[in-house]
Amino acid sequence: MLFLNRESGQGLVEYALVLVLVAIVVIAILTLLGPQIANVFSRITSGLAGA
């Protein structure tokens, strides 16, 4: 029973590490694709303004 408490803490740390890695990947993708995404939204808003 003593090991059960230790393993739950370890699982929490593993989930936190996975969450941090996912956040880093999302930030990297947004940094690389940010200008292209902004361009798409700019074209959409200009198209809606002209309609």
PDB file of N, CA and C in Angstrom:
ATOM      1  N   MET A   1       0.813  -1.200   0.000  1.00  0.00           N
ATOM      2  CA  MET A   1       0.000   0.000   0.000  1.00  0.00           C
ATOM      3  C   MET A   1       0.855   1.261   0.000  1.00  0.00           C
ATOM      4  N   LEU A   2       2.038   1.171   0.565  1.00  0.00           N
ATOM      5  CA  LEU A   2       2.908   2.350   0.599  1.00  0.00           C
ATOM      6  C   LEU A   2       3.375   2.741  -0.793  1.00  0.00           C
ATOM      7  N   PHE A   3       3.549   1.751  -1.667  1.00  0.00           N
ATOM      8  CA  PHE A   3       4.015   2.057  -3.011  1.00  0.00           C
ATOM      9  C   PHE A   3       2.930   2.718  -3.861  1.00  0.00           C
ATOM     10  N   LEU A   4       1.694   2.471  -3.548  1.00  0.00           N
ATOM     11  CA  LEU A   4       0.589   3.029  -4.318  1.00  0.00           C
ATOM     12  C   LEU A   4       0.599   4.551  -4.278  1.00  0.00           C
ATOM     13  N   ASN A   5       0.833   5.129  -3.127  1.00  0.00           N
ATOM     14  CA  ASN A   5       0.878   6.583  -3.016  1.00  0.00           C
ATOM     15  C   ASN A   5       2.044   7.167  -3.793  1.00  0.00           C
ATOM     16  N   ARG A   6       3.163   6.510  -3.778  1.00  0.00           N
ATOM     17  CA  ARG A   6       4.322   7.009  -4.499  1.00  0.00           C
ATOM     18  C   ARG A   6       4.092   6.950  -6.004  1.00  0.00           C
ATOM     19  N   GLU A   7       3.428   5.897  -6.478  1.00  0.00           N
ATOM     20  CA  GLU A   7       3.183   5.756  -7.910  1.00  0.00           C
ATOM     21  C   GLU A   7       2.199   6.807  -8.409  1.00  0.00           C
ATOM     22  N   SER A   8       1.237   7.184  -7.611  1.00  0.00           N
ATOM     23  CA  SER A   8       0.286   8.195  -8.068  1.00  0.00           C
ATOM     24  C   SER A   8       0.982   9.542  -8.227  1.00  0.00           C
ATOM     25  N   GLY A   9       1.926   9.848  -7.366  1.00  0.00           N
ATOM     26  CA  GLY A   9       2.695  11.074  -7.524  1.00  0.00           C
ATOM     27  C   GLY A   9       3.561  11.028  -8.763  1.00  0.00           C
ATOM     28  N   GLN A  10       4.116   9.865  -9.047  1.00  0.00           N
ATOM     29  CA  GLN A  10       4.939   9.710 -10.232  1.00  0.00           C
ATOM     30  C   GLN A  10       4.083   9.879 -11.484  1.00  0.00           C
ATOM     31  N   GLY A  11       2.881   9.357 -11.487  1.00  0.00           N
ATOM     32  CA  GLY A  11       1.987   9.504 -12.633  1.00  0.00           C
ATOM     33  C   GLY A  11       1.634  10.952 -12.874  1.00  0.00           C
ATOM     34  N   LEU A  12       1.447  11.699 -11.807  1.00  0.00           N
ATOM     35  CA  LEU A  12       1.141  13.119 -11.935  1.00  0.00           C
ATOM     36  C   LEU A  12       2.296  13.869 -12.574  1.00  0.00           C
ATOM     37  N   VAL A  13       3.515  13.531 -12.194  1.00  0.00           N
ATOM     38  CA  VAL A  13       4.695  14.169 -12.788  1.00  0.00           C
ATOM     39  C   VAL A  13       4.788  13.815 -14.266  1.00  0.00           C
ATOM     40  N   GLU A  14       4.496  12.578 -14.613  1.00  0.00           N
ATOM     41  CA  GLU A  14       4.544  12.165 -16.020  1.00  0.00           C
ATOM     42  C   GLU A  14       3.499  12.917 -16.836  1.00  0.00           C
ATOM     43  N   TYR A  15       2.301  13.077 -16.318  1.00  0.00           N
ATOM     44  CA  TYR A  15       1.277  13.839 -17.024  1.00  0.00           C
ATOM     45  C   TYR A  15       1.700  15.292 -17.194  1.00  0.00           C
ATOM     46  N   ALA A  16       2.337  15.851 -16.189  1.00  0.00           N
ATOM     47  CA  ALA A  16       2.810  17.235 -16.290  1.00  0.00           C
ATOM     48  C   ALA A  16       3.889  17.366 -17.357  1.00  0.00           C
ATOM     49  N   LEU A  17       4.787  16.406 -17.442  1.00  0.00           N
ATOM     50  CA  LEU A  17       5.822  16.439 -18.468  1.00  0.00           C
ATOM     51  C   LEU A  17       5.232  16.332 -19.865  1.00  0.00           C
ATOM     52  N   VAL A  18       4.255  15.468 -20.036  1.00  0.00           N
ATOM     53  CA  VAL A  18       3.593  15.342 -21.333  1.00  0.00           C
ATOM     54  C   VAL A  18       2.893  16.647 -21.694  1.00  0.00           C
ATOM     55  N   LEU A  19       2.245  17.265 -20.728  1.00  0.00           N
ATOM     56  CA  LEU A  19       1.559  18.529 -20.966  1.00  0.00           C
ATOM     57  C   LEU A  19       2.546  19.621 -21.367  1.00  0.00           C
ATOM     58  N   VAL A  20       3.693  19.665 -20.725  1.00  0.00           N
ATOM     59  CA  VAL A  20       4.717  20.656 -21.073  1.00  0.00           C
ATOM     60  C   VAL A  20       5.238  20.405 -22.478  1.00  0.00           C
ATOM     61  N   LEU A  21       5.479  19.167 -22.838  1.00  0.00           N
ATOM     62  CA  LEU A  21       5.960  18.860 -24.184  1.00  0.00           C
ATOM     63  C   LEU A  21       4.933  19.233 -25.246  1.00  0.00           C
ATOM     64  N   VAL A  22       3.670  18.964 -24.987  1.00  0.00           N
ATOM     65  CA  VAL A  22       2.621  19.343 -25.937  1.00  0.00           C
ATOM     66  C   VAL A  22       2.556  20.856 -26.070  1.00  0.00           C
ATOM     67  N   ALA A  23       2.691  21.581 -24.974  1.00  0.00           N
ATOM     68  CA  ALA A  23       2.670  23.035 -25.032  1.00  0.00           C
ATOM     69  C   ALA A  23       3.847  23.567 -25.843  1.00  0.00           C
ATOM     70  N   ILE A  24       5.026  22.975 -25.690  1.00  0.00           N
ATOM     71  CA  ILE A  24       6.188  23.412 -26.460  1.00  0.00           C
ATOM     72  C   ILE A  24       5.977  23.166 -27.946  1.00  0.00           C
ATOM     73  N   VAL A  25       5.399  22.034 -28.305  1.00  0.00           N
ATOM     74  CA  VAL A  25       5.141  21.734 -29.714  1.00  0.00           C
ATOM     75  C   VAL A  25       4.126  22.716 -30.294  1.00  0.00           C
ATOM     76  N   VAL A  26       3.076  23.016 -29.546  1.00  0.00           N
ATOM     77  CA  VAL A  26       2.060  23.959 -30.023  1.00  0.00           C
ATOM     78  C   VAL A  26       2.657  25.347 -30.201  1.00  0.00           C
ATOM     79  N   ILE A  27       3.483  25.782 -29.277  1.00  0.00           N
ATOM     80  CA  ILE A  27       4.123  27.093 -29.398  1.00  0.00           C
ATOM     81  C   ILE A  27       5.041  27.132 -30.610  1.00  0.00           C
ATOM     82  N   ALA A  28       5.794  26.063 -30.845  1.00  0.00           N
ATOM     83  CA  ALA A  28       6.685  26.016 -32.005  1.00  0.00           C
ATOM     84  C   ALA A  28       5.898  26.067 -33.308  1.00  0.00           C
ATOM     85  N   ILE A  29       4.792  25.337 -33.375  1.00  0.00           N
ATOM     86  CA  ILE A  29       3.973  25.338 -34.596  1.00  0.00           C
ATOM     87  C   ILE A  29       3.368  26.710 -34.831  1.00  0.00           C
ATOM     88  N   LEU A  30       2.858  27.332 -33.787  1.00  0.00           N
ATOM     89  CA  LEU A  30       2.277  28.662 -33.946  1.00  0.00           C
ATOM     90  C   LEU A  30       3.322  29.698 -34.328  1.00  0.00           C
ATOM     91  N   THR A  31       4.539  29.540 -33.830  1.00  0.00           N
ATOM     92  CA  THR A  31       5.608  30.458 -34.193  1.00  0.00           C
ATOM     93  C   THR A  31       5.960  30.321 -35.671  1.00  0.00           C
ATOM     94  N   LEU A  32       5.996  29.098 -36.143  1.00  0.00           N
ATOM     95  CA  LEU A  32       6.352  28.868 -37.545  1.00  0.00           C
ATOM     96  C   LEU A  32       5.218  29.244 -38.496  1.00  0.00           C
ATOM     97  N   LEU A  33       3.999  28.928 -38.124  1.00  0.00           N
ATOM     98  CA  LEU A  33       2.861  29.141 -39.015  1.00  0.00           C
ATOM     99  C   LEU A  33       2.082  30.415 -38.713  1.00  0.00           C
ATOM    100  N   GLY A  34       2.512  31.186 -37.738  1.00  0.00           N
ATOM    101  CA  GLY A  34       1.786  32.387 -37.335  1.00  0.00           C
ATOM    102  C   GLY A  34       1.519  33.367 -38.456  1.00  0.00           C
ATOM    103  N   PRO A  35       2.538  33.745 -39.234  1.00  0.00           N
ATOM    104  CA  PRO A  35       2.293  34.693 -40.327  1.00  0.00           C
ATOM    105  C   PRO A  35       1.319  34.161 -41.378  1.00  0.00           C
ATOM    106  N   GLN A  36       1.380  32.887 -41.684  1.00  0.00           N
ATOM    107  CA  GLN A  36       0.465  32.309 -42.669  1.00  0.00           C
ATOM    108  C   GLN A  36      -0.974  32.308 -42.137  1.00  0.00           C
ATOM    109  N   ILE A  37      -1.134  31.999 -40.873  1.00  0.00           N
ATOM    110  CA  ILE A  37      -2.471  32.005 -40.270  1.00  0.00           C
ATOM    111  C   ILE A  37      -3.027  33.425 -40.247  1.00  0.00           C
ATOM    112  N   ALA A  38      -2.188  34.391 -39.914  1.00  0.00           N
ATOM    113  CA  ALA A  38      -2.629  35.790 -39.915  1.00  0.00           C
ATOM    114  C   ALA A  38      -3.041  36.228 -41.307  1.00  0.00           C
ATOM    115  N   ASN A  39      -2.333  35.756 -42.320  1.00  0.00           N
ATOM    116  CA  ASN A  39      -2.673  36.100 -43.703  1.00  0.00           C
ATOM    117  C   ASN A  39      -4.032  35.532 -44.088  1.00  0.00           C
ATOM    118  N   VAL A  40      -4.308  34.318 -43.679  1.00  0.00           N
ATOM    119  CA  VAL A  40      -5.604  33.701 -43.983  1.00  0.00           C
ATOM    120  C   VAL A  40      -6.729  34.495 -43.330  1.00  0.00           C
ATOM    121  N   PHE A  41      -6.582  34.857 -42.062  1.00  0.00           N
ATOM    122  CA  PHE A  41      -7.621  35.625 -41.381  1.00  0.00           C
ATOM    123  C   PHE A  41      -7.775  37.008 -42.002  1.00  0.00           C
ATOM    124  N   SER A  42      -6.680  37.591 -42.460  1.00  0.00           N
ATOM    125  CA  SER A  42      -6.745  38.897 -43.111  1.00  0.00           C
ATOM    126  C   SER A  42      -7.539  38.813 -44.406  1.00  0.00           C
ATOM    127  N   ARG A  43      -7.302  37.766 -45.187  1.00  0.00           N
ATOM    128  CA  ARG A  43      -8.073  37.592 -46.429  1.00  0.00           C
ATOM    129  C   ARG A  43      -9.550  37.345 -46.137  1.00  0.00           C
ATOM    130  N   ILE A  44      -9.855  36.616 -45.085  1.00  0.00           N
ATOM    131  CA  ILE A  44     -11.254  36.356 -44.728  1.00  0.00           C
ATOM    132  C   ILE A  44     -11.949  37.644 -44.332  1.00  0.00           C
ATOM    133  N   THR A  45     -11.303  38.445 -43.483  1.00  0.00           N
ATOM    134  CA  THR A  45     -11.945  39.684 -43.051  1.00  0.00           C
ATOM    135  C   THR A  45     -12.086  40.680 -44.192  1.00  0.00           C
ATOM    136  N   SER A  46     -11.106  40.723 -45.089  1.00  0.00           N
ATOM    137  CA  SER A  46     -11.245  41.641 -46.227  1.00  0.00           C
ATOM    138  C   SER A  46     -12.331  41.157 -47.181  1.00  0.00           C
ATOM    139  N   GLY A  47     -12.488  39.841 -47.301  1.00  0.00           N
ATOM    140  CA  GLY A  47     -13.568  39.299 -48.134  1.00  0.00           C
ATOM    141  C   GLY A  47     -14.929  39.573 -47.543  1.00  0.00           C
ATOM    142  N   LEU A  48     -15.049  39.506 -46.235  1.00  0.00           N
ATOM    143  CA  LEU A  48     -16.323  39.802 -45.593  1.00  0.00           C
ATOM    144  C   LEU A  48     -16.642  41.294 -45.654  1.00  0.00           C
ATOM    145  N   ALA A  49     -15.624  42.129 -45.592  1.00  0.00           N
ATOM    146  CA  ALA A  49     -15.850  43.569 -45.654  1.00  0.00           C
ATOM    147  C   ALA A  49     -16.302  43.989 -47.042  1.00  0.00           C
ATOM    148  N   GLY A  50     -15.858  43.282 -48.063  1.00  0.00           N
ATOM    149  CA  GLY A  50     -16.237  43.610 -49.421  1.00  0.00           C
ATOM    150  C   GLY A  50     -17.605  43.060 -49.813  1.00  0.00           C
ATOM    151  N   ALA A  51     -18.156  42.168 -49.022  1.00  0.00           N
ATOM    152  CA  ALA A  51     -19.434  41.535 -49.379  1.00  0.00           C
ATOM    153  C   ALA A  51     -20.607  42.376 -49.001  1.00  0.00           C
TER     154      ALA A  51
END
